Amino acid sequence: MVFLQLFVMLIVILIAAEVFTNALEHLGEKLGISEGVTGSLFAAVGTALPETMVPLLAIFAGTTSMATNHEIGVGAILGAPLMLATLSLSLMALSVYKRRGANGHLRPERTGLTRDINYFIAAFILAAVALYVPHHEMWIRYVIGFAMVMIYVVYVWQTLRASKSLVAEGHATEAHNPMFLSRLGLPTNTLTITVQIILGLLLLIAGAKGFINGVDEASHILGISALMLSLLIIPIATELPEKVNSILWIRKGKDTLAFGNITGAMVFQGTLLPAIGITLTPWEPRPEVVWGLVITLLAALWMRYLLHKGGIRVWHLLVNGAMYVTYLVIALS
């Protein structure tokens, strides 16, 4: 029954993310913003909400065990960026491997992608430093947490600021599928877009809450810690929306949306959620946590190096997938 519950809650989460993202795409088109903003901000935040809800609800309203709540929270916070920077990017590249070949070029809009990676690396280095801040120096942790929140605020400002010129260059957002509520005969306007966004959010909260309780029970059945289960299982399950959306977009040649959906989520989850973890959980340098941070940073630095060298080929992102396999070997050995 536990695993059936996890499966059902996963379906709820996926449906909710699709409803939410669909509405956000129409909002992006209505506001006349660029693909970069829609991918890195709207779609990224929308599809990142499942992973976001799990640690938040685990920390604030999870199981009766505070230690378990912290393990699930920390695992989900760090597991999401790890999965995005390694496995998600690799699966996206694999989806066009046959069509474009190993040396095929991936052509996202470079300025936005570079901005995403730069902000993520800066924030995640702060998250790594915070692991070694003593608990009795909470003021330092609060300062680091505040700095990470401000990093995201500045990132959003710069991303929105770049939108106007990108739209002028032909990178405006276009919603290719009708809104779900419109299929019921309702008009597509600000009110219906808002209603669909709220419906998606409520479904996400319900699905995440049920998923947390299932993870707690499954960890006891499988005989592994809630931290390890949260580092490995929750991100794989809850990040399916990012993987599916990015795969669909890149197969349609929409490389900017595909990359932005993943890297924008990396910035969102590499700033705001670690800030919560640093201030509200033990946030200790346990081996699986440290290795997760190291592998994630290496994957991001590899992306930054590729951008600096001038381009990304399909096989380059398969290296990111190899990094995820490396983490699995280290963490489970």
C-alpha atoms as a PDB file:
ATOM      1  CA  MET A   1       0.000   0.000   0.000  1.00  0.00           C
ATOM      2  CA  VAL A   2       2.870   2.387   0.741  1.00  0.00           C
ATOM      3  CA  PHE A   3       4.290   2.116  -2.755  1.00  0.00           C
ATOM      4  CA  LEU A   4       0.821   2.409  -4.264  1.00  0.00           C
ATOM      5  CA  GLN A   5       0.403   5.621  -2.269  1.00  0.00           C
ATOM      6  CA  LEU A   6       3.706   6.950  -3.628  1.00  0.00           C
ATOM      7  CA  PHE A   7       2.598   6.121  -7.172  1.00  0.00           C
ATOM      8  CA  VAL A   8      -0.818   7.777  -6.760  1.00  0.00           C
ATOM      9  CA  MET A   9       0.714  10.898  -5.192  1.00  0.00           C
ATOM     10  CA  LEU A  10       3.232  11.034  -8.038  1.00  0.00           C
ATOM     11  CA  ILE A  11       0.397  11.014 -10.573  1.00  0.00           C
ATOM     12  CA  VAL A  12      -1.305  13.831  -8.662  1.00  0.00           C
ATOM     13  CA  ILE A  13       1.946  15.837  -8.661  1.00  0.00           C
ATOM     14  CA  LEU A  14       2.493  15.332 -12.391  1.00  0.00           C
ATOM     15  CA  ILE A  15      -1.063  16.344 -13.271  1.00  0.00           C
ATOM     16  CA  ALA A  16      -0.807  19.385 -11.009  1.00  0.00           C
ATOM     17  CA  ALA A  17       2.506  20.475 -12.559  1.00  0.00           C
ATOM     18  CA  GLU A  18       1.058  20.139 -16.062  1.00  0.00           C
ATOM     19  CA  VAL A  19      -1.985  22.228 -15.112  1.00  0.00           C
ATOM     20  CA  PHE A  20       0.252  24.852 -13.481  1.00  0.00           C
ATOM     21  CA  THR A  21       2.782  25.041 -16.324  1.00  0.00           C
ATOM     22  CA  ASN A  22       0.095  25.204 -18.985  1.00  0.00           C
ATOM     23  CA  ALA A  23      -1.404  28.259 -17.296  1.00  0.00           C
ATOM     24  CA  LEU A  24       2.017  29.886 -16.862  1.00  0.00           C
ATOM     25  CA  GLU A  25       2.796  29.573 -20.579  1.00  0.00           C
ATOM     26  CA  HIS A  26      -0.408  31.434 -21.405  1.00  0.00           C
ATOM     27  CA  LEU A  27       0.452  34.050 -18.798  1.00  0.00           C
ATOM     28  CA  GLY A  28       3.867  34.510 -20.433  1.00  0.00           C
ATOM     29  CA  GLU A  29       2.274  34.976 -23.855  1.00  0.00           C
ATOM     30  CA  LYS A  30      -0.308  37.394 -22.457  1.00  0.00           C
ATOM     31  CA  LEU A  31       2.411  39.489 -20.784  1.00  0.00           C
ATOM     32  CA  GLY A  32       4.512  39.523 -23.965  1.00  0.00           C
ATOM     33  CA  ILE A  33       7.707  38.262 -22.356  1.00  0.00           C
ATOM     34  CA  SER A  34      10.605  36.297 -23.840  1.00  0.00           C
ATOM     35  CA  GLU A  35      11.120  32.533 -24.006  1.00  0.00           C
ATOM     36  CA  GLY A  36      14.024  32.984 -21.616  1.00  0.00           C
ATOM     37  CA  VAL A  37      11.803  34.506 -18.951  1.00  0.00           C
ATOM     38  CA  THR A  38       9.069  31.915 -19.512  1.00  0.00           C
ATOM     39  CA  GLY A  39      11.567  29.050 -19.373  1.00  0.00           C
ATOM     40  CA  SER A  40      13.885  30.247 -16.607  1.00  0.00           C
ATOM     41  CA  LEU A  41      11.239  31.862 -14.400  1.00  0.00           C
ATOM     42  CA  PHE A  42       7.673  30.796 -15.134  1.00  0.00           C
ATOM     43  CA  ALA A  43       8.077  27.225 -16.386  1.00  0.00           C
ATOM     44  CA  ALA A  44      11.055  26.550 -14.118  1.00  0.00           C
ATOM     45  CA  VAL A  45       9.288  27.728 -10.979  1.00  0.00           C
ATOM     46  CA  GLY A  46       6.082  25.979 -11.994  1.00  0.00           C
ATOM     47  CA  THR A  47       7.662  22.585 -12.575  1.00  0.00           C
ATOM     48  CA  ALA A  48       9.964  23.057  -9.567  1.00  0.00           C
ATOM     49  CA  LEU A  49       7.011  23.392  -7.207  1.00  0.00           C
ATOM     50  CA  PRO A  50       6.686  19.620  -6.583  1.00  0.00           C
ATOM     51  CA  GLU A  51      10.272  19.465  -5.312  1.00  0.00           C
ATOM     52  CA  THR A  52       9.742  22.728  -3.468  1.00  0.00           C
ATOM     53  CA  MET A  53       6.608  21.599  -1.653  1.00  0.00           C
ATOM     54  CA  VAL A  54       8.161  18.341  -0.426  1.00  0.00           C
ATOM     55  CA  PRO A  55      10.975  19.867   1.705  1.00  0.00           C
ATOM     56  CA  LEU A  56       8.818  22.775   2.873  1.00  0.00           C
ATOM     57  CA  LEU A  57       5.999  20.537   4.056  1.00  0.00           C
ATOM     58  CA  ALA A  58       8.485  18.035   5.481  1.00  0.00           C
ATOM     59  CA  ILE A  59      10.154  20.711   7.620  1.00  0.00           C
ATOM     60  CA  PHE A  60       7.016  22.565   8.701  1.00  0.00           C
ATOM     61  CA  ALA A  61       4.292  19.894   8.697  1.00  0.00           C
ATOM     62  CA  GLY A  62       5.799  16.495   7.983  1.00  0.00           C
ATOM     63  CA  THR A  63       5.836  13.382  10.156  1.00  0.00           C
ATOM     64  CA  THR A  64       5.750  13.250  13.951  1.00  0.00           C
ATOM     65  CA  SER A  65       9.543  12.747  13.980  1.00  0.00           C
ATOM     66  CA  MET A  66      11.428  16.031  13.672  1.00  0.00           C
ATOM     67  CA  ALA A  67      14.655  14.169  12.792  1.00  0.00           C
ATOM     68  CA  THR A  68      12.897  12.396   9.910  1.00  0.00           C
ATOM     69  CA  ASN A  69      11.367  15.673   8.768  1.00  0.00           C
ATOM     70  CA  HIS A  70      14.815  17.282   8.656  1.00  0.00           C
ATOM     71  CA  GLU A  71      16.311  14.325   6.755  1.00  0.00           C
ATOM     72  CA  ILE A  72      13.541  14.400   4.150  1.00  0.00           C
ATOM     73  CA  GLY A  73      13.826  18.176   3.901  1.00  0.00           C
ATOM     74  CA  VAL A  74      17.612  18.294   3.479  1.00  0.00           C
ATOM     75  CA  GLY A  75      17.583  15.340   1.088  1.00  0.00           C
ATOM     76  CA  ALA A  76      14.922  16.893  -1.131  1.00  0.00           C
ATOM     77  CA  ILE A  77      16.595  20.328  -1.043  1.00  0.00           C
ATOM     78  CA  LEU A  78      19.980  19.009  -2.180  1.00  0.00           C
ATOM     79  CA  GLY A  79      18.725  16.147  -4.327  1.00  0.00           C
ATOM     80  CA  ALA A  80      16.752  18.394  -6.680  1.00  0.00           C
ATOM     81  CA  PRO A  81      19.692  20.530  -7.940  1.00  0.00           C
ATOM     82  CA  LEU A  82      21.833  17.386  -8.145  1.00  0.00           C
ATOM     83  CA  MET A  83      19.276  15.692 -10.373  1.00  0.00           C
ATOM     84  CA  LEU A  84      18.729  18.769 -12.528  1.00  0.00           C
ATOM     85  CA  ALA A  85      22.430  19.464 -13.118  1.00  0.00           C
ATOM     86  CA  THR A  86      23.249  15.848 -13.979  1.00  0.00           C
ATOM     87  CA  LEU A  87      20.499  13.393 -14.927  1.00  0.00           C
ATOM     88  CA  SER A  88      17.921  15.878 -16.278  1.00  0.00           C
ATOM     89  CA  LEU A  89      20.357  17.575 -18.658  1.00  0.00           C
ATOM     90  CA  SER A  90      21.675  14.200 -19.776  1.00  0.00           C
ATOM     91  CA  LEU A  91      18.209  12.782 -20.511  1.00  0.00           C
ATOM     92  CA  MET A  92      17.351  15.921 -22.464  1.00  0.00           C
ATOM     93  CA  ALA A  93      20.448  15.408 -24.632  1.00  0.00           C
ATOM     94  CA  LEU A  94      19.725  11.701 -25.078  1.00  0.00           C
ATOM     95  CA  SER A  95      16.277  12.536 -26.433  1.00  0.00           C
ATOM     96  CA  VAL A  96      17.864  14.176 -29.491  1.00  0.00           C
ATOM     97  CA  TYR A  97      20.934  11.906 -29.732  1.00  0.00           C
ATOM     98  CA  LYS A  98      19.554   9.951 -32.694  1.00  0.00           C
ATOM     99  CA  ARG A  99      18.348  13.035 -34.545  1.00  0.00           C
ATOM    100  CA  ARG A 100      21.333  15.338 -33.986  1.00  0.00           C
ATOM    101  CA  GLY A 101      24.118  12.833 -33.351  1.00  0.00           C
ATOM    102  CA  ALA A 102      26.770  12.833 -30.625  1.00  0.00           C
ATOM    103  CA  ASN A 103      28.437  15.941 -32.060  1.00  0.00           C
ATOM    104  CA  GLY A 104      25.176  17.724 -32.769  1.00  0.00           C
ATOM    105  CA  HIS A 105      24.913  21.286 -31.502  1.00  0.00           C
ATOM    106  CA  LEU A 106      22.476  22.405 -28.799  1.00  0.00           C
ATOM    107  CA  ARG A 107      21.640  26.073 -29.314  1.00  0.00           C
ATOM    108  CA  PRO A 108      19.977  27.737 -26.340  1.00  0.00           C
ATOM    109  CA  GLU A 109      20.104  31.532 -26.065  1.00  0.00           C
ATOM    110  CA  ARG A 110      23.539  31.915 -24.486  1.00  0.00           C
ATOM    111  CA  THR A 111      23.238  35.065 -22.379  1.00  0.00           C
ATOM    112  CA  GLY A 112      20.295  33.717 -20.382  1.00  0.00           C
ATOM    113  CA  LEU A 113      21.851  30.280 -19.898  1.00  0.00           C
ATOM    114  CA  THR A 114      25.146  31.810 -18.766  1.00  0.00           C
ATOM    115  CA  ARG A 115      23.288  34.009 -16.292  1.00  0.00           C
ATOM    116  CA  ASP A 116      21.433  30.991 -14.864  1.00  0.00           C
ATOM    117  CA  ILE A 117      24.609  28.961 -14.387  1.00  0.00           C
ATOM    118  CA  ASN A 118      26.572  31.860 -12.861  1.00  0.00           C
ATOM    119  CA  TYR A 119      23.902  32.600 -10.253  1.00  0.00           C
ATOM    120  CA  PHE A 120      23.491  28.925  -9.424  1.00  0.00           C
ATOM    121  CA  ILE A 121      27.215  28.375  -8.869  1.00  0.00           C
ATOM    122  CA  ALA A 122      27.493  31.442  -6.623  1.00  0.00           C
ATOM    123  CA  ALA A 123      24.528  30.372  -4.487  1.00  0.00           C
ATOM    124  CA  PHE A 124      25.536  26.721  -4.207  1.00  0.00           C
ATOM    125  CA  ILE A 125      29.041  27.633  -3.064  1.00  0.00           C
ATOM    126  CA  LEU A 126      27.398  29.566  -0.213  1.00  0.00           C
ATOM    127  CA  ALA A 127      25.265  26.506   0.592  1.00  0.00           C
ATOM    128  CA  ALA A 128      28.429  24.387   0.779  1.00  0.00           C
ATOM    129  CA  VAL A 129      30.186  26.906   3.044  1.00  0.00           C
ATOM    130  CA  ALA A 130      27.174  26.941   5.394  1.00  0.00           C
ATOM    131  CA  LEU A 131      27.636  23.211   6.098  1.00  0.00           C
ATOM    132  CA  TYR A 132      30.698  24.090   8.145  1.00  0.00           C
ATOM    133  CA  VAL A 133      29.242  27.011  10.100  1.00  0.00           C
ATOM    134  CA  PRO A 134      28.844  25.944  13.772  1.00  0.00           C
ATOM    135  CA  HIS A 135      25.277  25.766  15.074  1.00  0.00           C
ATOM    136  CA  HIS A 136      26.013  28.232  17.871  1.00  0.00           C
ATOM    137  CA  GLU A 137      26.868  30.828  15.196  1.00  0.00           C
ATOM    138  CA  MET A 138      23.311  31.067  13.956  1.00  0.00           C
ATOM    139  CA  TRP A 139      23.681  34.714  12.999  1.00  0.00           C
ATOM    140  CA  ILE A 140      26.184  33.664  10.327  1.00  0.00           C
ATOM    141  CA  ARG A 141      23.707  31.109   9.002  1.00  0.00           C
ATOM    142  CA  TYR A 142      20.985  33.743   8.880  1.00  0.00           C
ATOM    143  CA  VAL A 143      23.272  36.105   6.967  1.00  0.00           C
ATOM    144  CA  ILE A 144      24.101  33.371   4.442  1.00  0.00           C
ATOM    145  CA  GLY A 145      20.432  32.469   4.104  1.00  0.00           C
ATOM    146  CA  PHE A 146      19.471  36.111   3.513  1.00  0.00           C
ATOM    147  CA  ALA A 147      22.267  36.491   0.951  1.00  0.00           C
ATOM    148  CA  MET A 148      20.953  33.475  -0.965  1.00  0.00           C
ATOM    149  CA  VAL A 149      17.433  34.913  -1.053  1.00  0.00           C
ATOM    150  CA  MET A 150      18.818  38.206  -2.371  1.00  0.00           C
ATOM    151  CA  ILE A 151      20.778  36.336  -5.041  1.00  0.00           C
ATOM    152  CA  TYR A 152      17.494  35.015  -6.385  1.00  0.00           C
ATOM    153  CA  VAL A 153      15.828  38.427  -6.192  1.00  0.00           C
ATOM    154  CA  VAL A 154      18.641  40.005  -8.237  1.00  0.00           C
ATOM    155  CA  TYR A 155      18.544  37.070 -10.664  1.00  0.00           C
ATOM    156  CA  VAL A 156      14.817  37.569 -11.295  1.00  0.00           C
ATOM    157  CA  TRP A 157      15.346  41.306 -11.810  1.00  0.00           C
ATOM    158  CA  GLN A 158      18.136  40.768 -14.347  1.00  0.00           C
ATOM    159  CA  THR A 159      16.191  38.064 -16.190  1.00  0.00           C
ATOM    160  CA  LEU A 160      13.108  40.271 -16.521  1.00  0.00           C
ATOM    161  CA  ARG A 161      15.258  43.235 -17.528  1.00  0.00           C
ATOM    162  CA  ALA A 162      16.709  41.230 -20.444  1.00  0.00           C
ATOM    163  CA  SER A 163      13.278  40.202 -21.708  1.00  0.00           C
ATOM    164  CA  LYS A 164      12.439  43.256 -23.819  1.00  0.00           C
ATOM    165  CA  SER A 165      15.494  43.010 -26.070  1.00  0.00           C
ATOM    166  CA  LEU A 166      15.035  39.251 -26.488  1.00  0.00           C
ATOM    167  CA  VAL A 167      11.415  39.722 -27.576  1.00  0.00           C
ATOM    168  CA  ALA A 168      12.599  42.296 -30.129  1.00  0.00           C
ATOM    169  CA  GLU A 169      15.039  39.701 -31.471  1.00  0.00           C
ATOM    170  CA  GLY A 170      12.236  37.191 -32.067  1.00  0.00           C
ATOM    171  CA  HIS A 171      12.358  35.187 -28.832  1.00  0.00           C
ATOM    172  CA  ALA A 172       8.826  35.990 -27.640  1.00  0.00           C
ATOM    173  CA  THR A 173       6.849  33.313 -25.775  1.00  0.00           C
ATOM    174  CA  GLU A 174       4.118  31.495 -27.689  1.00  0.00           C
ATOM    175  CA  ALA A 175       1.675  29.066 -26.052  1.00  0.00           C
ATOM    176  CA  HIS A 176       1.094  26.308 -28.603  1.00  0.00           C
ATOM    177  CA  ASN A 177      -1.523  24.368 -26.616  1.00  0.00           C
ATOM    178  CA  PRO A 178      -4.882  25.775 -25.478  1.00  0.00           C
ATOM    179  CA  MET A 179      -5.375  26.295 -21.762  1.00  0.00           C
ATOM    180  CA  PHE A 180      -7.054  23.379 -19.997  1.00  0.00           C
ATOM    181  CA  LEU A 181      -9.919  25.470 -18.650  1.00  0.00           C
ATOM    182  CA  SER A 182     -10.506  26.838 -22.136  1.00  0.00           C
ATOM    183  CA  ARG A 183     -11.130  23.300 -23.355  1.00  0.00           C
ATOM    184  CA  LEU A 184     -14.156  23.319 -21.050  1.00  0.00           C
ATOM    185  CA  GLY A 185     -15.585  26.281 -22.927  1.00  0.00           C
ATOM    186  CA  LEU A 186     -14.207  29.028 -20.694  1.00  0.00           C
ATOM    187  CA  PRO A 187     -12.418  32.050 -22.199  1.00  0.00           C
ATOM    188  CA  THR A 188      -8.661  32.464 -21.907  1.00  0.00           C
ATOM    189  CA  ASN A 189      -8.245  35.625 -19.877  1.00  0.00           C
ATOM    190  CA  THR A 190      -6.468  36.843 -16.746  1.00  0.00           C
ATOM    191  CA  LEU A 191      -9.172  35.427 -14.458  1.00  0.00           C
ATOM    192  CA  THR A 192      -9.170  31.899 -15.893  1.00  0.00           C
ATOM    193  CA  ILE A 193      -5.355  31.846 -16.046  1.00  0.00           C
ATOM    194  CA  THR A 194      -5.231  32.810 -12.358  1.00  0.00           C
ATOM    195  CA  VAL A 195      -7.846  30.190 -11.423  1.00  0.00           C
ATOM    196  CA  GLN A 196      -5.916  27.446 -13.224  1.00  0.00           C
ATOM    197  CA  ILE A 197      -2.668  28.506 -11.519  1.00  0.00           C
ATOM    198  CA  ILE A 198      -4.365  28.277  -8.095  1.00  0.00           C
ATOM    199  CA  LEU A 199      -5.882  24.858  -8.914  1.00  0.00           C
ATOM    200  CA  GLY A 200      -2.469  23.554  -9.944  1.00  0.00           C
ATOM    201  CA  LEU A 201      -0.882  24.882  -6.760  1.00  0.00           C
ATOM    202  CA  LEU A 202      -3.506  23.261  -4.515  1.00  0.00           C
ATOM    203  CA  LEU A 203      -3.032  19.901  -6.244  1.00  0.00           C
ATOM    204  CA  LEU A 204       0.739  20.217  -5.830  1.00  0.00           C
ATOM    205  CA  ILE A 205       0.406  20.786  -2.087  1.00  0.00           C
ATOM    206  CA  ALA A 206      -1.905  17.791  -1.678  1.00  0.00           C
ATOM    207  CA  GLY A 207       0.331  15.516  -3.726  1.00  0.00           C
ATOM    208  CA  ALA A 208       3.523  16.608  -1.962  1.00  0.00           C
ATOM    209  CA  LYS A 209       2.007  16.060   1.486  1.00  0.00           C
ATOM    210  CA  GLY A 210       0.946  12.530   0.598  1.00  0.00           C
ATOM    211  CA  PHE A 211       4.352  11.831  -0.933  1.00  0.00           C
ATOM    212  CA  ILE A 212       6.179  12.860   2.260  1.00  0.00           C
ATOM    213  CA  ASN A 213       4.223  10.410   4.404  1.00  0.00           C
ATOM    214  CA  GLY A 214       4.838   7.652   1.864  1.00  0.00           C
ATOM    215  CA  VAL A 215       8.588   8.293   1.830  1.00  0.00           C
ATOM    216  CA  ASP A 216       8.750   8.072   5.615  1.00  0.00           C
ATOM    217  CA  GLU A 217       7.062   4.642   5.610  1.00  0.00           C
ATOM    218  CA  ALA A 218       9.015   3.374   2.587  1.00  0.00           C
ATOM    219  CA  SER A 219      12.360   4.247   4.213  1.00  0.00           C
ATOM    220  CA  HIS A 220      11.530   1.934   7.133  1.00  0.00           C
ATOM    221  CA  ILE A 221      10.417  -0.884   4.823  1.00  0.00           C
ATOM    222  CA  LEU A 222      13.546  -0.636   2.641  1.00  0.00           C
ATOM    223  CA  GLY A 223      15.864  -0.234   5.612  1.00  0.00           C
ATOM    224  CA  ILE A 224      17.570   2.955   4.374  1.00  0.00           C
ATOM    225  CA  SER A 225      17.580   6.435   5.841  1.00  0.00           C
ATOM    226  CA  ALA A 226      14.961   8.987   4.924  1.00  0.00           C
ATOM    227  CA  LEU A 227      17.854  11.271   3.906  1.00  0.00           C
ATOM    228  CA  MET A 228      19.157   8.848   1.253  1.00  0.00           C
ATOM    229  CA  LEU A 229      15.661   8.095  -0.003  1.00  0.00           C
ATOM    230  CA  SER A 230      14.970  11.811  -0.301  1.00  0.00           C
ATOM    231  CA  LEU A 231      18.275  12.490  -2.063  1.00  0.00           C
ATOM    232  CA  LEU A 232      17.629   9.814  -4.680  1.00  0.00           C
ATOM    233  CA  ILE A 233      13.936   8.941  -4.975  1.00  0.00           C
ATOM    234  CA  ILE A 234      12.040  12.198  -4.416  1.00  0.00           C
ATOM    235  CA  PRO A 235      13.977  14.198  -7.063  1.00  0.00           C
ATOM    236  CA  ILE A 236      13.620  11.442  -9.676  1.00  0.00           C
ATOM    237  CA  ALA A 237       9.884  11.345  -9.060  1.00  0.00           C
ATOM    238  CA  THR A 238       9.081  15.017  -8.656  1.00  0.00           C
ATOM    239  CA  GLU A 239      11.333  16.287 -11.437  1.00  0.00           C
ATOM    240  CA  LEU A 240       9.544  14.360 -14.143  1.00  0.00           C
ATOM    241  CA  PRO A 241       7.708  17.552 -15.203  1.00  0.00           C
ATOM    242  CA  GLU A 242      11.035  19.294 -15.955  1.00  0.00           C
ATOM    243  CA  LYS A 243      12.392  16.274 -17.812  1.00  0.00           C
ATOM    244  CA  VAL A 244       9.261  15.750 -19.891  1.00  0.00           C
ATOM    245  CA  ASN A 245       8.797  19.441 -20.719  1.00  0.00           C
ATOM    246  CA  SER A 246      12.451  19.922 -21.646  1.00  0.00           C
ATOM    247  CA  ILE A 247      12.489  16.766 -23.776  1.00  0.00           C
ATOM    248  CA  LEU A 248       9.364  17.869 -25.651  1.00  0.00           C
ATOM    249  CA  TRP A 249      10.748  21.368 -26.183  1.00  0.00           C
ATOM    250  CA  ILE A 250      14.196  20.309 -27.386  1.00  0.00           C
ATOM    251  CA  ARG A 251      12.728  17.743 -29.777  1.00  0.00           C
ATOM    252  CA  LYS A 252      10.710  20.618 -31.283  1.00  0.00           C
ATOM    253  CA  GLY A 253      13.911  22.680 -31.642  1.00  0.00           C
ATOM    254  CA  LYS A 254      13.003  25.004 -28.751  1.00  0.00           C
ATOM    255  CA  ASP A 255      16.415  24.733 -27.103  1.00  0.00           C
ATOM    256  CA  THR A 256      16.083  27.969 -25.112  1.00  0.00           C
ATOM    257  CA  LEU A 257      12.877  26.852 -23.395  1.00  0.00           C
ATOM    258  CA  ALA A 258      14.287  23.360 -22.828  1.00  0.00           C
ATOM    259  CA  PHE A 259      17.457  24.555 -21.117  1.00  0.00           C
ATOM    260  CA  GLY A 260      15.773  27.421 -19.282  1.00  0.00           C
ATOM    261  CA  ASN A 261      13.222  25.051 -17.781  1.00  0.00           C
ATOM    262  CA  ILE A 262      16.052  23.105 -16.132  1.00  0.00           C
ATOM    263  CA  THR A 263      18.634  25.789 -15.346  1.00  0.00           C
ATOM    264  CA  GLY A 264      16.008  28.240 -14.104  1.00  0.00           C
ATOM    265  CA  ALA A 265      14.785  25.556 -11.714  1.00  0.00           C
ATOM    266  CA  MET A 266      18.391  25.030 -10.619  1.00  0.00           C
ATOM    267  CA  VAL A 267      18.661  28.704  -9.622  1.00  0.00           C
ATOM    268  CA  PHE A 268      15.289  28.634  -7.850  1.00  0.00           C
ATOM    269  CA  GLN A 269      16.149  25.475  -5.923  1.00  0.00           C
ATOM    270  CA  GLY A 270      19.778  26.416  -5.390  1.00  0.00           C
ATOM    271  CA  THR A 271      18.939  29.672  -3.619  1.00  0.00           C
ATOM    272  CA  LEU A 272      15.589  29.821  -1.807  1.00  0.00           C
ATOM    273  CA  LEU A 273      15.391  26.212  -0.600  1.00  0.00           C
ATOM    274  CA  PRO A 274      18.967  25.908   0.713  1.00  0.00           C
ATOM    275  CA  ALA A 275      18.374  29.212   2.524  1.00  0.00           C
ATOM    276  CA  ILE A 276      15.523  27.523   4.388  1.00  0.00           C
ATOM    277  CA  GLY A 277      17.620  24.418   5.033  1.00  0.00           C
ATOM    278  CA  ILE A 278      20.538  26.455   6.374  1.00  0.00           C
ATOM    279  CA  THR A 279      18.376  28.361   8.856  1.00  0.00           C
ATOM    280  CA  LEU A 280      15.809  25.725   9.888  1.00  0.00           C
ATOM    281  CA  THR A 281      17.561  22.331   9.754  1.00  0.00           C
ATOM    282  CA  PRO A 282      20.834  20.921  11.170  1.00  0.00           C
ATOM    283  CA  TRP A 283      22.494  21.345   7.701  1.00  0.00           C
ATOM    284  CA  GLU A 284      25.494  19.213   8.616  1.00  0.00           C
ATOM    285  CA  PRO A 285      28.356  17.902   6.419  1.00  0.00           C
ATOM    286  CA  ARG A 286      27.251  14.262   6.282  1.00  0.00           C
ATOM    287  CA  PRO A 287      29.167  12.324   3.581  1.00  0.00           C
ATOM    288  CA  GLU A 288      26.175  11.840   1.246  1.00  0.00           C
ATOM    289  CA  VAL A 289      25.344  15.551   1.558  1.00  0.00           C
ATOM    290  CA  VAL A 290      28.915  16.725   0.883  1.00  0.00           C
ATOM    291  CA  TRP A 291      29.313  14.440  -2.130  1.00  0.00           C
ATOM    292  CA  GLY A 292      25.969  15.626  -3.481  1.00  0.00           C
ATOM    293  CA  LEU A 293      27.098  19.237  -3.259  1.00  0.00           C
ATOM    294  CA  VAL A 294      30.467  18.466  -4.864  1.00  0.00           C
ATOM    295  CA  ILE A 295      29.000  16.533  -7.804  1.00  0.00           C
ATOM    296  CA  THR A 296      26.346  19.194  -8.385  1.00  0.00           C
ATOM    297  CA  LEU A 297      28.930  21.985  -8.434  1.00  0.00           C
ATOM    298  CA  LEU A 298      31.188  19.999 -10.779  1.00  0.00           C
ATOM    299  CA  ALA A 299      28.278  19.499 -13.185  1.00  0.00           C
ATOM    300  CA  ALA A 300      27.457  23.223 -13.117  1.00  0.00           C
ATOM    301  CA  LEU A 301      31.105  24.188 -13.588  1.00  0.00           C
ATOM    302  CA  TRP A 302      31.321  21.800 -16.556  1.00  0.00           C
ATOM    303  CA  MET A 303      28.340  23.601 -18.142  1.00  0.00           C
ATOM    304  CA  ARG A 304      29.954  26.968 -17.476  1.00  0.00           C
ATOM    305  CA  TYR A 305      33.193  25.771 -19.089  1.00  0.00           C
ATOM    306  CA  LEU A 306      31.307  24.625 -22.202  1.00  0.00           C
ATOM    307  CA  LEU A 307      29.612  28.010 -22.513  1.00  0.00           C
ATOM    308  CA  HIS A 308      32.971  29.748 -22.137  1.00  0.00           C
ATOM    309  CA  LYS A 309      34.495  27.561 -24.857  1.00  0.00           C
ATOM    310  CA  GLY A 310      31.726  28.518 -27.251  1.00  0.00           C
ATOM    311  CA  GLY A 311      29.085  25.808 -27.511  1.00  0.00           C
ATOM    312  CA  ILE A 312      27.356  22.700 -26.203  1.00  0.00           C
ATOM    313  CA  ARG A 313      27.210  19.425 -28.120  1.00  0.00           C
ATOM    314  CA  VAL A 314      24.971  16.470 -27.372  1.00  0.00           C
ATOM    315  CA  TRP A 315      27.770  14.286 -26.000  1.00  0.00           C
ATOM    316  CA  HIS A 316      28.860  17.021 -23.592  1.00  0.00           C
ATOM    317  CA  LEU A 317      25.708  16.555 -21.529  1.00  0.00           C
ATOM    318  CA  LEU A 318      26.203  12.798 -21.371  1.00  0.00           C
ATOM    319  CA  VAL A 319      29.136  13.656 -19.086  1.00  0.00           C
ATOM    320  CA  ASN A 320      26.585  15.140 -16.696  1.00  0.00           C
ATOM    321  CA  GLY A 321      24.754  11.813 -16.679  1.00  0.00           C
ATOM    322  CA  ALA A 322      28.018  10.035 -15.863  1.00  0.00           C
ATOM    323  CA  MET A 323      28.449  12.367 -12.889  1.00  0.00           C
ATOM    324  CA  TYR A 324      25.069  11.262 -11.530  1.00  0.00           C
ATOM    325  CA  VAL A 325      26.053   7.599 -11.860  1.00  0.00           C
ATOM    326  CA  THR A 326      29.280   8.452 -10.000  1.00  0.00           C
ATOM    327  CA  TYR A 327      27.260   9.919  -7.145  1.00  0.00           C
ATOM    328  CA  LEU A 328      25.087   6.807  -6.971  1.00  0.00           C
ATOM    329  CA  VAL A 329      28.152   4.596  -6.701  1.00  0.00           C
ATOM    330  CA  ILE A 330      29.669   6.754  -3.948  1.00  0.00           C
ATOM    331  CA  ALA A 331      26.453   7.221  -1.964  1.00  0.00           C
ATOM    332  CA  LEU A 332      25.299   3.604  -2.073  1.00  0.00           C
ATOM    333  CA  SER A 333      28.678   1.932  -1.556  1.00  0.00           C
END
